[in-house]
Amino acid sequence: RELPVRVGYRTSAFPFQFDGVSVSESLVAVGVGYVFLEQADYPLAMLDLGLERGRRSAGPDEENIWRATFTLRLSGF
């Protein structure tokens, strides 16, 4: 079976301000997914893990972010 690995980068400017300063966010993400069971190329059981590291900022104010996701997908037979 294949084990796809994802790597990505995202940057965003939000449509609102905090104390009159524009807010922005940047993230680096990695993830891996694994299909346990499939039928006719359709995944019936799949596991996906992801990890993101990023930063939100508005002028001198800054917030560091760690986000982990775990997804288990089960479909009917």
N, C-alpha and C. Protein backbone atom coordinates (compact mmCIF):
# COMPACT_ATOMS: atom_id res chain seq x y z
N ARG A 1 0.83 -1.19 0.00
CA ARG A 1 0.00 0.00 0.00
C ARG A 1 0.88 1.25 0.00
N GLU A 2 0.32 2.30 -0.57
CA GLU A 2 1.02 3.57 -0.60
C GLU A 2 0.80 4.32 0.71
N LEU A 3 1.75 5.15 1.07
CA LEU A 3 1.66 5.99 2.26
C LEU A 3 1.95 7.43 1.83
N PRO A 4 0.91 8.17 1.39
CA PRO A 4 1.14 9.53 0.91
C PRO A 4 1.52 10.49 2.04
N VAL A 5 2.51 11.31 1.77
CA VAL A 5 2.98 12.32 2.72
C VAL A 5 2.71 13.69 2.11
N ARG A 6 2.18 14.61 2.93
CA ARG A 6 1.89 15.96 2.47
C ARG A 6 2.78 16.96 3.21
N VAL A 7 3.20 17.98 2.49
CA VAL A 7 3.94 19.09 3.07
C VAL A 7 3.39 20.35 2.42
N GLY A 8 3.12 21.37 3.23
CA GLY A 8 2.55 22.57 2.64
C GLY A 8 2.82 23.82 3.46
N TYR A 9 2.57 24.95 2.84
CA TYR A 9 2.72 26.26 3.48
C TYR A 9 1.52 27.11 3.09
N ARG A 10 1.00 27.84 4.05
CA ARG A 10 -0.15 28.70 3.77
C ARG A 10 0.04 30.03 4.48
N THR A 11 -0.33 31.10 3.80
CA THR A 11 -0.32 32.43 4.40
C THR A 11 -1.65 33.11 4.09
N SER A 12 -2.18 33.84 5.06
CA SER A 12 -3.49 34.47 4.90
C SER A 12 -3.48 35.85 5.51
N ALA A 13 -4.23 36.74 4.91
CA ALA A 13 -4.51 38.06 5.48
C ALA A 13 -6.01 38.09 5.75
N PHE A 14 -6.39 38.32 6.99
CA PHE A 14 -7.80 38.26 7.37
C PHE A 14 -8.53 39.55 7.01
N PRO A 15 -9.85 39.47 6.79
CA PRO A 15 -10.63 40.64 6.37
C PRO A 15 -11.07 41.52 7.56
N PHE A 16 -10.40 41.43 8.68
CA PHE A 16 -10.74 42.25 9.84
C PHE A 16 -9.45 42.78 10.47
N GLN A 17 -9.61 43.70 11.40
CA GLN A 17 -8.45 44.28 12.08
C GLN A 17 -8.57 44.08 13.59
N PHE A 18 -7.43 44.08 14.25
CA PHE A 18 -7.36 43.98 15.70
C PHE A 18 -6.67 45.24 16.20
N ASP A 19 -7.39 46.06 16.95
CA ASP A 19 -6.88 47.37 17.42
C ASP A 19 -6.37 48.21 16.26
N GLY A 20 -7.06 48.17 15.12
CA GLY A 20 -6.70 48.98 13.96
C GLY A 20 -5.55 48.45 13.14
N VAL A 21 -5.08 47.24 13.42
CA VAL A 21 -3.95 46.66 12.69
C VAL A 21 -4.44 45.41 11.96
N SER A 22 -3.99 45.23 10.72
CA SER A 22 -4.37 44.05 9.94
C SER A 22 -3.80 42.78 10.58
N VAL A 23 -4.57 41.70 10.48
CA VAL A 23 -4.19 40.41 11.06
C VAL A 23 -3.73 39.48 9.94
N SER A 24 -2.63 38.77 10.17
CA SER A 24 -2.13 37.81 9.18
C SER A 24 -1.77 36.51 9.88
N GLU A 25 -1.69 35.43 9.09
CA GLU A 25 -1.39 34.11 9.61
C GLU A 25 -0.52 33.38 8.60
N SER A 26 0.46 32.62 9.09
CA SER A 26 1.25 31.76 8.22
C SER A 26 1.45 30.42 8.92
N LEU A 27 1.34 29.34 8.15
CA LEU A 27 1.42 27.99 8.70
C LEU A 27 2.26 27.09 7.80
N VAL A 28 2.98 26.17 8.43
CA VAL A 28 3.66 25.08 7.74
C VAL A 28 2.99 23.80 8.22
N ALA A 29 2.66 22.92 7.29
CA ALA A 29 1.91 21.71 7.66
C ALA A 29 2.56 20.47 7.05
N VAL A 30 2.48 19.36 7.80
CA VAL A 30 2.90 18.05 7.31
C VAL A 30 1.80 17.07 7.68
N GLY A 31 1.64 16.05 6.88
CA GLY A 31 0.61 15.06 7.16
C GLY A 31 0.89 13.77 6.43
N VAL A 32 0.20 12.74 6.90
CA VAL A 32 0.33 11.43 6.29
C VAL A 32 -1.03 10.75 6.34
N GLY A 33 -1.36 10.00 5.32
CA GLY A 33 -2.62 9.29 5.27
C GLY A 33 -2.40 7.84 4.87
N TYR A 34 -3.28 6.97 5.33
CA TYR A 34 -3.15 5.55 5.00
C TYR A 34 -4.54 4.95 4.80
N VAL A 35 -4.73 4.28 3.68
CA VAL A 35 -6.00 3.61 3.39
C VAL A 35 -5.87 2.15 3.81
N PHE A 36 -6.69 1.75 4.79
CA PHE A 36 -6.67 0.38 5.28
C PHE A 36 -7.47 -0.56 4.39
N LEU A 37 -8.60 -0.07 3.87
CA LEU A 37 -9.50 -0.92 3.10
C LEU A 37 -10.15 -0.08 2.00
N GLU A 38 -10.15 -0.62 0.79
CA GLU A 38 -10.82 0.07 -0.32
C GLU A 38 -11.56 -0.93 -1.19
N GLN A 39 -12.57 -0.42 -1.87
CA GLN A 39 -13.35 -1.25 -2.78
C GLN A 39 -13.59 -0.44 -4.04
N ALA A 40 -13.21 -0.98 -5.17
CA ALA A 40 -13.33 -0.30 -6.47
C ALA A 40 -12.71 1.09 -6.41
N ASP A 41 -11.50 1.19 -5.87
CA ASP A 41 -10.73 2.43 -5.74
C ASP A 41 -11.41 3.48 -4.86
N TYR A 42 -12.37 3.08 -4.04
CA TYR A 42 -13.02 4.00 -3.10
C TYR A 42 -12.59 3.60 -1.68
N PRO A 43 -11.98 4.53 -0.91
CA PRO A 43 -11.52 4.16 0.44
C PRO A 43 -12.69 3.94 1.39
N LEU A 44 -12.71 2.79 2.05
CA LEU A 44 -13.74 2.46 3.03
C LEU A 44 -13.24 2.67 4.46
N ALA A 45 -11.95 2.50 4.70
CA ALA A 45 -11.35 2.73 6.01
C ALA A 45 -10.03 3.45 5.80
N MET A 46 -9.90 4.63 6.41
CA MET A 46 -8.72 5.46 6.18
C MET A 46 -8.32 6.19 7.46
N LEU A 47 -7.03 6.36 7.67
CA LEU A 47 -6.49 7.10 8.80
C LEU A 47 -5.65 8.25 8.26
N ASP A 48 -5.80 9.43 8.85
CA ASP A 48 -5.06 10.61 8.41
C ASP A 48 -4.54 11.36 9.63
N LEU A 49 -3.26 11.68 9.63
CA LEU A 49 -2.63 12.44 10.71
C LEU A 49 -1.99 13.69 10.14
N GLY A 50 -2.15 14.82 10.83
CA GLY A 50 -1.58 16.07 10.37
C GLY A 50 -1.02 16.88 11.52
N LEU A 51 -0.01 17.69 11.23
CA LEU A 51 0.61 18.56 12.23
C LEU A 51 0.90 19.90 11.56
N GLU A 52 0.49 20.99 12.23
CA GLU A 52 0.71 22.33 11.71
C GLU A 52 1.45 23.17 12.75
N ARG A 53 2.33 24.01 12.27
CA ARG A 53 3.05 24.96 13.11
C ARG A 53 2.92 26.31 12.43
N GLY A 54 2.49 27.33 13.18
CA GLY A 54 2.29 28.61 12.54
C GLY A 54 2.33 29.77 13.49
N ARG A 55 1.98 30.94 12.92
CA ARG A 55 2.02 32.18 13.68
C ARG A 55 0.93 33.12 13.18
N ARG A 56 0.21 33.72 14.10
CA ARG A 56 -0.73 34.79 13.79
C ARG A 56 -0.16 36.07 14.35
N SER A 57 -0.30 37.15 13.61
CA SER A 57 0.24 38.42 14.09
C SER A 57 -0.65 39.59 13.68
N ALA A 58 -0.65 40.58 14.55
CA ALA A 58 -1.35 41.85 14.31
C ALA A 58 -0.47 42.94 14.92
N GLY A 59 0.39 43.52 14.09
CA GLY A 59 1.33 44.51 14.60
C GLY A 59 2.30 43.85 15.57
N PRO A 60 2.46 44.40 16.78
CA PRO A 60 3.39 43.82 17.75
C PRO A 60 2.84 42.58 18.47
N ASP A 61 1.54 42.34 18.36
CA ASP A 61 0.94 41.17 19.01
C ASP A 61 1.13 39.94 18.13
N GLU A 62 1.53 38.83 18.79
CA GLU A 62 1.84 37.62 18.05
C GLU A 62 1.37 36.40 18.82
N GLU A 63 0.91 35.39 18.10
CA GLU A 63 0.46 34.14 18.72
C GLU A 63 1.07 32.98 17.94
N ASN A 64 1.76 32.09 18.65
CA ASN A 64 2.32 30.89 18.02
C ASN A 64 1.32 29.76 18.14
N ILE A 65 1.24 28.94 17.08
CA ILE A 65 0.21 27.91 16.98
C ILE A 65 0.85 26.55 16.74
N TRP A 66 0.38 25.55 17.48
CA TRP A 66 0.63 24.14 17.19
C TRP A 66 -0.73 23.50 17.04
N ARG A 67 -0.98 22.80 15.97
CA ARG A 67 -2.28 22.13 15.76
C ARG A 67 -2.03 20.72 15.24
N ALA A 68 -2.64 19.75 15.90
CA ALA A 68 -2.56 18.36 15.47
C ALA A 68 -3.96 17.87 15.13
N THR A 69 -4.08 17.09 14.05
CA THR A 69 -5.37 16.53 13.67
C THR A 69 -5.24 15.02 13.48
N PHE A 70 -6.29 14.34 13.84
CA PHE A 70 -6.38 12.90 13.69
C PHE A 70 -7.75 12.61 13.09
N THR A 71 -7.80 11.96 11.95
CA THR A 71 -9.06 11.65 11.29
C THR A 71 -9.13 10.17 10.99
N LEU A 72 -10.20 9.56 11.42
CA LEU A 72 -10.49 8.16 11.11
C LEU A 72 -11.76 8.15 10.29
N ARG A 73 -11.69 7.66 9.08
CA ARG A 73 -12.83 7.64 8.18
C ARG A 73 -13.28 6.20 7.96
N LEU A 74 -14.51 5.94 8.29
CA LEU A 74 -15.09 4.60 8.09
C LEU A 74 -16.35 4.73 7.25
N SER A 75 -16.45 3.96 6.20
CA SER A 75 -17.61 3.97 5.31
C SER A 75 -18.30 2.62 5.35
N GLY A 76 -19.57 2.60 4.96
CA GLY A 76 -20.31 1.33 4.92
C GLY A 76 -19.89 0.46 3.77
N PHE A 77 -20.09 -0.81 3.90
CA PHE A 77 -19.71 -1.78 2.86
C PHE A 77 -20.82 -1.99 1.89
